Amino acid sequence: MSTHTCGECGIVWATTKVFENARQNDHKTFYCPNGCRRHYPQESDKERLERLLKQEKNCCAVAKHEADYFFRSSNAYKGHFNRVKAKINKRG
């Protein structure tokens, strides 16, 4: 069981851990025994980890895109270098 204190009326009451975890995850409204509306506005640990995972996946996708761009650019420069080198070797 978890004890809670209502921020409006000050009553102390208890709920099960299952109920508390469910409300922290779904952010639904619940009520203290005196009828005051309560909810958990902050993100849960699961939501925070999902958000961080999504950010990391986005960073990885951007890094992969940049790496592909620079790889293609380096190949283009190598090709240009080899063409110029071949022209110089023909003349000399």
PDB file of N, CA and C in Angstrom:
ATOM      1  N   MET A   1       0.831  -1.180   0.000  1.00  0.00           N
ATOM      2  CA  MET A   1       0.000   0.000   0.000  1.00  0.00           C
ATOM      3  C   MET A   1       0.878   1.247   0.000  1.00  0.00           C
ATOM      4  N   SER A   2       0.341   2.302  -0.623  1.00  0.00           N
ATOM      5  CA  SER A   2       1.019   3.590  -0.645  1.00  0.00           C
ATOM      6  C   SER A   2       0.130   4.628   0.013  1.00  0.00           C
ATOM      7  N   THR A   3       0.739   5.472   0.827  1.00  0.00           N
ATOM      8  CA  THR A   3      -0.046   6.541   1.437  1.00  0.00           C
ATOM      9  C   THR A   3       0.096   7.805   0.610  1.00  0.00           C
ATOM     10  N   HIS A   4      -0.970   8.593   0.583  1.00  0.00           N
ATOM     11  CA  HIS A   4      -1.008   9.834  -0.176  1.00  0.00           C
ATOM     12  C   HIS A   4      -1.598  10.921   0.703  1.00  0.00           C
ATOM     13  N   THR A   5      -1.191  12.139   0.471  1.00  0.00           N
ATOM     14  CA  THR A   5      -1.781  13.294   1.138  1.00  0.00           C
ATOM     15  C   THR A   5      -2.364  14.193   0.059  1.00  0.00           C
ATOM     16  N   CYS A   6      -3.622  14.516   0.192  1.00  0.00           N
ATOM     17  CA  CYS A   6      -4.280  15.366  -0.801  1.00  0.00           C
ATOM     18  C   CYS A   6      -3.712  16.774  -0.701  1.00  0.00           C
ATOM     19  N   GLY A   7      -3.342  17.326  -1.810  1.00  0.00           N
ATOM     20  CA  GLY A   7      -2.791  18.677  -1.845  1.00  0.00           C
ATOM     21  C   GLY A   7      -3.834  19.747  -1.644  1.00  0.00           C
ATOM     22  N   GLU A   8      -5.116  19.402  -1.767  1.00  0.00           N
ATOM     23  CA  GLU A   8      -6.177  20.393  -1.584  1.00  0.00           C
ATOM     24  C   GLU A   8      -6.741  20.377  -0.168  1.00  0.00           C
ATOM     25  N   CYS A   9      -7.156  19.195   0.300  1.00  0.00           N
ATOM     26  CA  CYS A   9      -7.840  19.136   1.597  1.00  0.00           C
ATOM     27  C   CYS A   9      -6.960  18.595   2.719  1.00  0.00           C
ATOM     28  N   GLY A  10      -5.828  17.980   2.397  1.00  0.00           N
ATOM     29  CA  GLY A  10      -4.886  17.517   3.398  1.00  0.00           C
ATOM     30  C   GLY A  10      -5.161  16.140   3.979  1.00  0.00           C
ATOM     31  N   ILE A  11      -6.203  15.465   3.510  1.00  0.00           N
ATOM     32  CA  ILE A  11      -6.513  14.132   4.028  1.00  0.00           C
ATOM     33  C   ILE A  11      -5.422  13.151   3.610  1.00  0.00           C
ATOM     34  N   VAL A  12      -5.154  12.186   4.472  1.00  0.00           N
ATOM     35  CA  VAL A  12      -4.182  11.129   4.173  1.00  0.00           C
ATOM     36  C   VAL A  12      -4.975   9.853   3.931  1.00  0.00           C
ATOM     37  N   TRP A  13      -4.652   9.151   2.836  1.00  0.00           N
ATOM     38  CA  TRP A  13      -5.320   7.891   2.526  1.00  0.00           C
ATOM     39  C   TRP A  13      -4.332   6.955   1.853  1.00  0.00           C
ATOM     40  N   ALA A  14      -4.728   5.707   1.694  1.00  0.00           N
ATOM     41  CA  ALA A  14      -3.829   4.704   1.114  1.00  0.00           C
ATOM     42  C   ALA A  14      -4.459   4.084  -0.130  1.00  0.00           C
ATOM     43  N   THR A  15      -3.593   3.730  -1.083  1.00  0.00           N
ATOM     44  CA  THR A  15      -4.005   2.994  -2.281  1.00  0.00           C
ATOM     45  C   THR A  15      -3.030   1.845  -2.479  1.00  0.00           C
ATOM     46  N   THR A  16      -3.407   0.933  -3.333  1.00  0.00           N
ATOM     47  CA  THR A  16      -2.499  -0.168  -3.648  1.00  0.00           C
ATOM     48  C   THR A  16      -1.413   0.331  -4.584  1.00  0.00           C
ATOM     49  N   LYS A  17      -0.291  -0.354  -4.582  1.00  0.00           N
ATOM     50  CA  LYS A  17       0.808  -0.014  -5.503  1.00  0.00           C
ATOM     51  C   LYS A  17       0.366  -0.182  -6.956  1.00  0.00           C
ATOM     52  N   VAL A  18      -0.475  -1.180  -7.208  1.00  0.00           N
ATOM     53  CA  VAL A  18      -0.964  -1.423  -8.567  1.00  0.00           C
ATOM     54  C   VAL A  18      -1.749  -0.211  -9.060  1.00  0.00           C
ATOM     55  N   PHE A  19      -2.646   0.311  -8.211  1.00  0.00           N
ATOM     56  CA  PHE A  19      -3.435   1.492  -8.576  1.00  0.00           C
ATOM     57  C   PHE A  19      -2.529   2.693  -8.805  1.00  0.00           C
ATOM     58  N   GLU A  20      -1.586   2.912  -7.885  1.00  0.00           N
ATOM     59  CA  GLU A  20      -0.671   4.044  -8.004  1.00  0.00           C
ATOM     60  C   GLU A  20       0.142   3.962  -9.303  1.00  0.00           C
ATOM     61  N   ASN A  21       0.693   2.781  -9.598  1.00  0.00           N
ATOM     62  CA  ASN A  21       1.472   2.612 -10.830  1.00  0.00           C
ATOM     63  C   ASN A  21       0.618   2.834 -12.065  1.00  0.00           C
ATOM     64  N   ALA A  22      -0.629   2.352 -12.038  1.00  0.00           N
ATOM     65  CA  ALA A  22      -1.519   2.527 -13.189  1.00  0.00           C
ATOM     66  C   ALA A  22      -1.789   4.006 -13.435  1.00  0.00           C
ATOM     67  N   ARG A  23      -2.065   4.777 -12.381  1.00  0.00           N
ATOM     68  CA  ARG A  23      -2.349   6.208 -12.550  1.00  0.00           C
ATOM     69  C   ARG A  23      -1.095   6.977 -12.957  1.00  0.00           C
ATOM     70  N   GLN A  24       0.065   6.562 -12.487  1.00  0.00           N
ATOM     71  CA  GLN A  24       1.301   7.227 -12.908  1.00  0.00           C
ATOM     72  C   GLN A  24       1.579   6.978 -14.381  1.00  0.00           C
ATOM     73  N   ASN A  25       1.187   5.814 -14.876  1.00  0.00           N
ATOM     74  CA  ASN A  25       1.442   5.477 -16.282  1.00  0.00           C
ATOM     75  C   ASN A  25       0.392   6.027 -17.226  1.00  0.00           C
ATOM     76  N   ASP A  26      -0.886   6.060 -16.804  1.00  0.00           N
ATOM     77  CA  ASP A  26      -1.926   6.512 -17.734  1.00  0.00           C
ATOM     78  C   ASP A  26      -2.372   7.957 -17.490  1.00  0.00           C
ATOM     79  N   HIS A  27      -1.939   8.568 -16.372  1.00  0.00           N
ATOM     80  CA  HIS A  27      -2.236   9.970 -16.035  1.00  0.00           C
ATOM     81  C   HIS A  27      -3.733  10.256 -15.903  1.00  0.00           C
ATOM     82  N   LYS A  28      -4.525   9.231 -15.681  1.00  0.00           N
ATOM     83  CA  LYS A  28      -5.961   9.438 -15.514  1.00  0.00           C
ATOM     84  C   LYS A  28      -6.247  10.102 -14.169  1.00  0.00           C
ATOM     85  N   THR A  29      -7.379  10.783 -14.125  1.00  0.00           N
ATOM     86  CA  THR A  29      -7.808  11.439 -12.898  1.00  0.00           C
ATOM     87  C   THR A  29      -8.304  10.406 -11.891  1.00  0.00           C
ATOM     88  N   PHE A  30      -7.952  10.619 -10.633  1.00  0.00           N
ATOM     89  CA  PHE A  30      -8.518   9.834  -9.540  1.00  0.00           C
ATOM     90  C   PHE A  30      -8.902  10.819  -8.447  1.00  0.00           C
ATOM     91  N   TYR A  31      -9.563  10.352  -7.425  1.00  0.00           N
ATOM     92  CA  TYR A  31     -10.106  11.256  -6.410  1.00  0.00           C
ATOM     93  C   TYR A  31      -9.670  10.834  -5.024  1.00  0.00           C
ATOM     94  N   CYS A  32      -9.412  11.823  -4.165  1.00  0.00           N
ATOM     95  CA  CYS A  32      -9.150  11.528  -2.763  1.00  0.00           C
ATOM     96  C   CYS A  32     -10.485  11.144  -2.122  1.00  0.00           C
ATOM     97  N   PRO A  33     -10.490  10.595  -0.914  1.00  0.00           N
ATOM     98  CA  PRO A  33     -11.751  10.202  -0.262  1.00  0.00           C
ATOM     99  C   PRO A  33     -12.741  11.358  -0.090  1.00  0.00           C
ATOM    100  N   ASN A  34     -12.265  12.613  -0.058  1.00  0.00           N
ATOM    101  CA  ASN A  34     -13.170  13.757   0.063  1.00  0.00           C
ATOM    102  C   ASN A  34     -13.649  14.265  -1.292  1.00  0.00           C
ATOM    103  N   GLY A  35     -13.208  13.643  -2.394  1.00  0.00           N
ATOM    104  CA  GLY A  35     -13.692  13.998  -3.725  1.00  0.00           C
ATOM    105  C   GLY A  35     -12.840  14.987  -4.499  1.00  0.00           C
ATOM    106  N   CYS A  36     -11.661  15.330  -3.987  1.00  0.00           N
ATOM    107  CA  CYS A  36     -10.770  16.249  -4.715  1.00  0.00           C
ATOM    108  C   CYS A  36     -10.146  15.507  -5.897  1.00  0.00           C
ATOM    109  N   ARG A  37     -10.123  16.180  -7.045  1.00  0.00           N
ATOM    110  CA  ARG A  37      -9.532  15.574  -8.247  1.00  0.00           C
ATOM    111  C   ARG A  37      -8.013  15.556  -8.125  1.00  0.00           C
ATOM    112  N   ARG A  38      -7.391  14.425  -8.413  1.00  0.00           N
ATOM    113  CA  ARG A  38      -5.942  14.267  -8.366  1.00  0.00           C
ATOM    114  C   ARG A  38      -5.479  13.587  -9.645  1.00  0.00           C
ATOM    115  N   HIS A  39      -4.232  13.795 -10.039  1.00  0.00           N
ATOM    116  CA  HIS A  39      -3.624  13.067 -11.160  1.00  0.00           C
ATOM    117  C   HIS A  39      -2.110  13.238 -11.077  1.00  0.00           C
ATOM    118  N   TYR A  40      -1.408  12.411 -11.810  1.00  0.00           N
ATOM    119  CA  TYR A  40       0.053  12.491 -11.889  1.00  0.00           C
ATOM    120  C   TYR A  40       0.414  13.112 -13.233  1.00  0.00           C
ATOM    121  N   PRO A  41       0.783  14.409 -13.254  1.00  0.00           N
ATOM    122  CA  PRO A  41       1.088  15.055 -14.529  1.00  0.00           C
ATOM    123  C   PRO A  41       2.472  14.717 -15.081  1.00  0.00           C
ATOM    124  N   GLN A  42       3.428  14.385 -14.215  1.00  0.00           N
ATOM    125  CA  GLN A  42       4.795  14.139 -14.680  1.00  0.00           C
ATOM    126  C   GLN A  42       4.876  12.800 -15.416  1.00  0.00           C
ATOM    127  N   GLU A  43       5.847  12.714 -16.327  1.00  0.00           N
ATOM    128  CA  GLU A  43       5.999  11.477 -17.085  1.00  0.00           C
ATOM    129  C   GLU A  43       6.528  10.367 -16.187  1.00  0.00           C
ATOM    130  N   SER A  44       6.083   9.162 -16.468  1.00  0.00           N
ATOM    131  CA  SER A  44       6.533   8.011 -15.694  1.00  0.00           C
ATOM    132  C   SER A  44       7.935   7.600 -16.140  1.00  0.00           C
ATOM    133  N   ASP A  45       8.552   6.714 -15.399  1.00  0.00           N
ATOM    134  CA  ASP A  45       9.878   6.219 -15.787  1.00  0.00           C
ATOM    135  C   ASP A  45       9.815   5.563 -17.160  1.00  0.00           C
ATOM    136  N   LYS A  46       8.759   4.811 -17.409  1.00  0.00           N
ATOM    137  CA  LYS A  46       8.608   4.138 -18.701  1.00  0.00           C
ATOM    138  C   LYS A  46       8.506   5.161 -19.829  1.00  0.00           C
ATOM    139  N   GLU A  47       7.698   6.204 -19.627  1.00  0.00           N
ATOM    140  CA  GLU A  47       7.547   7.241 -20.658  1.00  0.00           C
ATOM    141  C   GLU A  47       8.857   7.980 -20.888  1.00  0.00           C
ATOM    142  N   ARG A  48       9.584   8.263 -19.796  1.00  0.00           N
ATOM    143  CA  ARG A  48      10.874   8.954 -19.923  1.00  0.00           C
ATOM    144  C   ARG A  48      11.856   8.101 -20.715  1.00  0.00           C
ATOM    145  N   LEU A  49      11.913   6.801 -20.405  1.00  0.00           N
ATOM    146  CA  LEU A  49      12.832   5.912 -21.122  1.00  0.00           C
ATOM    147  C   LEU A  49      12.435   5.759 -22.585  1.00  0.00           C
ATOM    148  N   GLU A  50      11.131   5.693 -22.866  1.00  0.00           N
ATOM    149  CA  GLU A  50      10.674   5.609 -24.258  1.00  0.00           C
ATOM    150  C   GLU A  50      11.047   6.875 -25.017  1.00  0.00           C
ATOM    151  N   ARG A  51      10.895   8.053 -24.371  1.00  0.00           N
ATOM    152  CA  ARG A  51      11.258   9.320 -25.009  1.00  0.00           C
ATOM    153  C   ARG A  51      12.756   9.373 -25.285  1.00  0.00           C
ATOM    154  N   LEU A  52      13.562   8.950 -24.306  1.00  0.00           N
ATOM    155  CA  LEU A  52      15.016   8.946 -24.495  1.00  0.00           C
ATOM    156  C   LEU A  52      15.435   7.967 -25.579  1.00  0.00           C
ATOM    157  N   LEU A  53      14.782   6.804 -25.631  1.00  0.00           N
ATOM    158  CA  LEU A  53      15.088   5.827 -26.674  1.00  0.00           C
ATOM    159  C   LEU A  53      14.763   6.394 -28.048  1.00  0.00           C
ATOM    160  N   LYS A  54      13.625   7.062 -28.166  1.00  0.00           N
ATOM    161  CA  LYS A  54      13.239   7.675 -29.444  1.00  0.00           C
ATOM    162  C   LYS A  54      14.250   8.737 -29.860  1.00  0.00           C
ATOM    163  N   GLN A  55      14.705   9.561 -28.889  1.00  0.00           N
ATOM    164  CA  GLN A  55      15.717  10.576 -29.196  1.00  0.00           C
ATOM    165  C   GLN A  55      17.013   9.938 -29.677  1.00  0.00           C
ATOM    166  N   GLU A  56      17.431   8.869 -29.020  1.00  0.00           N
ATOM    167  CA  GLU A  56      18.673   8.190 -29.411  1.00  0.00           C
ATOM    168  C   GLU A  56      18.546   7.570 -30.801  1.00  0.00           C
ATOM    169  N   LYS A  57      17.366   6.994 -31.100  1.00  0.00           N
ATOM    170  CA  LYS A  57      17.148   6.437 -32.434  1.00  0.00           C
ATOM    171  C   LYS A  57      17.219   7.529 -33.486  1.00  0.00           C
ATOM    172  N   ASN A  58      16.644   8.706 -33.178  1.00  0.00           N
ATOM    173  CA  ASN A  58      16.708   9.824 -34.118  1.00  0.00           C
ATOM    174  C   ASN A  58      18.149  10.284 -34.321  1.00  0.00           C
ATOM    175  N   CYS A  59      18.909  10.356 -33.226  1.00  0.00           N
ATOM    176  CA  CYS A  59      20.320  10.755 -33.337  1.00  0.00           C
ATOM    177  C   CYS A  59      21.098   9.757 -34.188  1.00  0.00           C
ATOM    178  N   CYS A  60      20.820   8.468 -33.990  1.00  0.00           N
ATOM    179  CA  CYS A  60      21.504   7.434 -34.772  1.00  0.00           C
ATOM    180  C   CYS A  60      21.147   7.547 -36.251  1.00  0.00           C
ATOM    181  N   ALA A  61      19.887   7.835 -36.538  1.00  0.00           N
ATOM    182  CA  ALA A  61      19.458   7.967 -37.928  1.00  0.00           C
ATOM    183  C   ALA A  61      20.139   9.162 -38.586  1.00  0.00           C
ATOM    184  N   VAL A  62      20.241  10.270 -37.860  1.00  0.00           N
ATOM    185  CA  VAL A  62      20.915  11.461 -38.396  1.00  0.00           C
ATOM    186  C   VAL A  62      22.390  11.162 -38.625  1.00  0.00           C
ATOM    187  N   ALA A  63      23.032  10.514 -37.661  1.00  0.00           N
ATOM    188  CA  ALA A  63      24.452  10.183 -37.800  1.00  0.00           C
ATOM    189  C   ALA A  63      24.683   9.247 -38.976  1.00  0.00           C
ATOM    190  N   LYS A  64      23.798   8.280 -39.166  1.00  0.00           N
ATOM    191  CA  LYS A  64      23.920   7.354 -40.301  1.00  0.00           C
ATOM    192  C   LYS A  64      23.768   8.106 -41.618  1.00  0.00           C
ATOM    193  N   HIS A  65      22.812   9.010 -41.672  1.00  0.00           N
ATOM    194  CA  HIS A  65      22.598   9.805 -42.887  1.00  0.00           C
ATOM    195  C   HIS A  65      23.839  10.651 -43.194  1.00  0.00           C
ATOM    196  N   GLU A  66      24.403  11.279 -42.160  1.00  0.00           N
ATOM    197  CA  GLU A  66      25.614  12.089 -42.366  1.00  0.00           C
ATOM    198  C   GLU A  66      26.787  11.226 -42.804  1.00  0.00           C
ATOM    199  N   ALA A  67      26.938  10.050 -42.201  1.00  0.00           N
ATOM    200  CA  ALA A  67      28.036   9.149 -42.571  1.00  0.00           C
ATOM    201  C   ALA A  67      27.894   8.711 -44.028  1.00  0.00           C
ATOM    202  N   ASP A  68      26.651   8.378 -44.442  1.00  0.00           N
ATOM    203  CA  ASP A  68      26.418   8.000 -45.837  1.00  0.00           C
ATOM    204  C   ASP A  68      26.758   9.150 -46.775  1.00  0.00           C
ATOM    205  N   TYR A  69      26.375  10.374 -46.398  1.00  0.00           N
ATOM    206  CA  TYR A  69      26.659  11.545 -47.223  1.00  0.00           C
ATOM    207  C   TYR A  69      28.171  11.735 -47.387  1.00  0.00           C
ATOM    208  N   PHE A  70      28.898  11.673 -46.274  1.00  0.00           N
ATOM    209  CA  PHE A  70      30.348  11.883 -46.356  1.00  0.00           C
ATOM    210  C   PHE A  70      31.047  10.744 -47.088  1.00  0.00           C
ATOM    211  N   PHE A  71      30.546   9.531 -46.970  1.00  0.00           N
ATOM    212  CA  PHE A  71      31.112   8.407 -47.714  1.00  0.00           C
ATOM    213  C   PHE A  71      30.930   8.624 -49.217  1.00  0.00           C
ATOM    214  N   ARG A  72      29.714   9.023 -49.616  1.00  0.00           N
ATOM    215  CA  ARG A  72      29.477   9.286 -51.042  1.00  0.00           C
ATOM    216  C   ARG A  72      30.312  10.459 -51.531  1.00  0.00           C
ATOM    217  N   SER A  73      30.449  11.491 -50.691  1.00  0.00           N
ATOM    218  CA  SER A  73      31.270  12.647 -51.072  1.00  0.00           C
ATOM    219  C   SER A  73      32.724  12.252 -51.243  1.00  0.00           C
ATOM    220  N   SER A  74      33.237  11.433 -50.330  1.00  0.00           N
ATOM    221  CA  SER A  74      34.639  11.031 -50.443  1.00  0.00           C
ATOM    222  C   SER A  74      34.857  10.193 -51.700  1.00  0.00           C
ATOM    223  N   ASN A  75      33.897   9.345 -52.047  1.00  0.00           N
ATOM    224  CA  ASN A  75      34.021   8.567 -53.282  1.00  0.00           C
ATOM    225  C   ASN A  75      34.008   9.473 -54.502  1.00  0.00           C
ATOM    226  N   ALA A  76      33.188  10.510 -54.465  1.00  0.00           N
ATOM    227  CA  ALA A  76      33.149  11.450 -55.587  1.00  0.00           C
ATOM    228  C   ALA A  76      34.492  12.170 -55.720  1.00  0.00           C
ATOM    229  N   TYR A  77      35.064  12.600 -54.590  1.00  0.00           N
ATOM    230  CA  TYR A  77      36.358  13.273 -54.642  1.00  0.00           C
ATOM    231  C   TYR A  77      37.455  12.329 -55.117  1.00  0.00           C
ATOM    232  N   LYS A  78      37.393  11.058 -54.699  1.00  0.00           N
ATOM    233  CA  LYS A  78      38.379  10.087 -55.170  1.00  0.00           C
ATOM    234  C   LYS A  78      38.285   9.916 -56.685  1.00  0.00           C
ATOM    235  N   GLY A  79      37.057   9.829 -57.174  1.00  0.00           N
ATOM    236  CA  GLY A  79      36.870   9.698 -58.619  1.00  0.00           C
ATOM    237  C   GLY A  79      37.404  10.901 -59.364  1.00  0.00           C
ATOM    238  N   HIS A  80      37.122  12.094 -58.844  1.00  0.00           N
ATOM    239  CA  HIS A  80      37.619  13.321 -59.473  1.00  0.00           C
ATOM    240  C   HIS A  80      39.146  13.352 -59.432  1.00  0.00           C
ATOM    241  N   PHE A  81      39.729  12.988 -58.308  1.00  0.00           N
ATOM    242  CA  PHE A  81      41.175  12.955 -58.171  1.00  0.00           C
ATOM    243  C   PHE A  81      41.798  11.992 -59.194  1.00  0.00           C
ATOM    244  N   ASN A  82      41.203  10.804 -59.317  1.00  0.00           N
ATOM    245  CA  ASN A  82      41.754   9.822 -60.261  1.00  0.00           C
ATOM    246  C   ASN A  82      41.652  10.295 -61.702  1.00  0.00           C
ATOM    247  N   ARG A  83      40.569  11.005 -62.051  1.00  0.00           N
ATOM    248  CA  ARG A  83      40.451  11.536 -63.415  1.00  0.00           C
ATOM    249  C   ARG A  83      41.518  12.597 -63.678  1.00  0.00           C
ATOM    250  N   VAL A  84      41.713  13.497 -62.711  1.00  0.00           N
ATOM    251  CA  VAL A  84      42.740  14.536 -62.871  1.00  0.00           C
ATOM    252  C   VAL A  84      44.119  13.900 -62.945  1.00  0.00           C
ATOM    253  N   LYS A  85      44.372  12.914 -62.102  1.00  0.00           N
ATOM    254  CA  LYS A  85      45.659  12.221 -62.102  1.00  0.00           C
ATOM    255  C   LYS A  85      45.895  11.533 -63.446  1.00  0.00           C
ATOM    256  N   ALA A  86      44.861  10.925 -64.017  1.00  0.00           N
ATOM    257  CA  ALA A  86      45.003  10.260 -65.318  1.00  0.00           C
ATOM    258  C   ALA A  86      45.308  11.268 -66.407  1.00  0.00           C
ATOM    259  N   LYS A  87      44.677  12.451 -66.377  1.00  0.00           N
ATOM    260  CA  LYS A  87      44.961  13.487 -67.371  1.00  0.00           C
ATOM    261  C   LYS A  87      46.407  13.962 -67.268  1.00  0.00           C
ATOM    262  N   ILE A  88      46.880  14.131 -66.045  1.00  0.00           N
ATOM    263  CA  ILE A  88      48.260  14.574 -65.842  1.00  0.00           C
ATOM    264  C   ILE A  88      49.226  13.515 -66.360  1.00  0.00           C
ATOM    265  N   ASN A  89      48.951  12.234 -66.099  1.00  0.00           N
ATOM    266  CA  ASN A  89      49.835  11.166 -66.553  1.00  0.00           C
ATOM    267  C   ASN A  89      49.856  11.068 -68.075  1.00  0.00           C
ATOM    268  N   LYS A  90      48.721  11.386 -68.771  1.00  0.00           N
ATOM    269  CA  LYS A  90      48.700  11.376 -70.227  1.00  0.00           C
ATOM    270  C   LYS A  90      49.587  12.452 -70.808  1.00  0.00           C
ATOM    271  N   ARG A  91      49.609  13.620 -70.169  1.00  0.00           N
ATOM    272  CA  ARG A  91      50.379  14.742 -70.681  1.00  0.00           C
ATOM    273  C   ARG A  91      51.871  14.585 -70.398  1.00  0.00           C
ATOM    274  N   GLY A  92      52.165  13.934 -69.324  1.00  0.00           N
ATOM    275  CA  GLY A  92      53.562  13.902 -68.907  1.00  0.00           C
ATOM    276  C   GLY A  92      54.239  12.690 -69.373  1.00  0.00           C
TER     277      GLY A  92
END
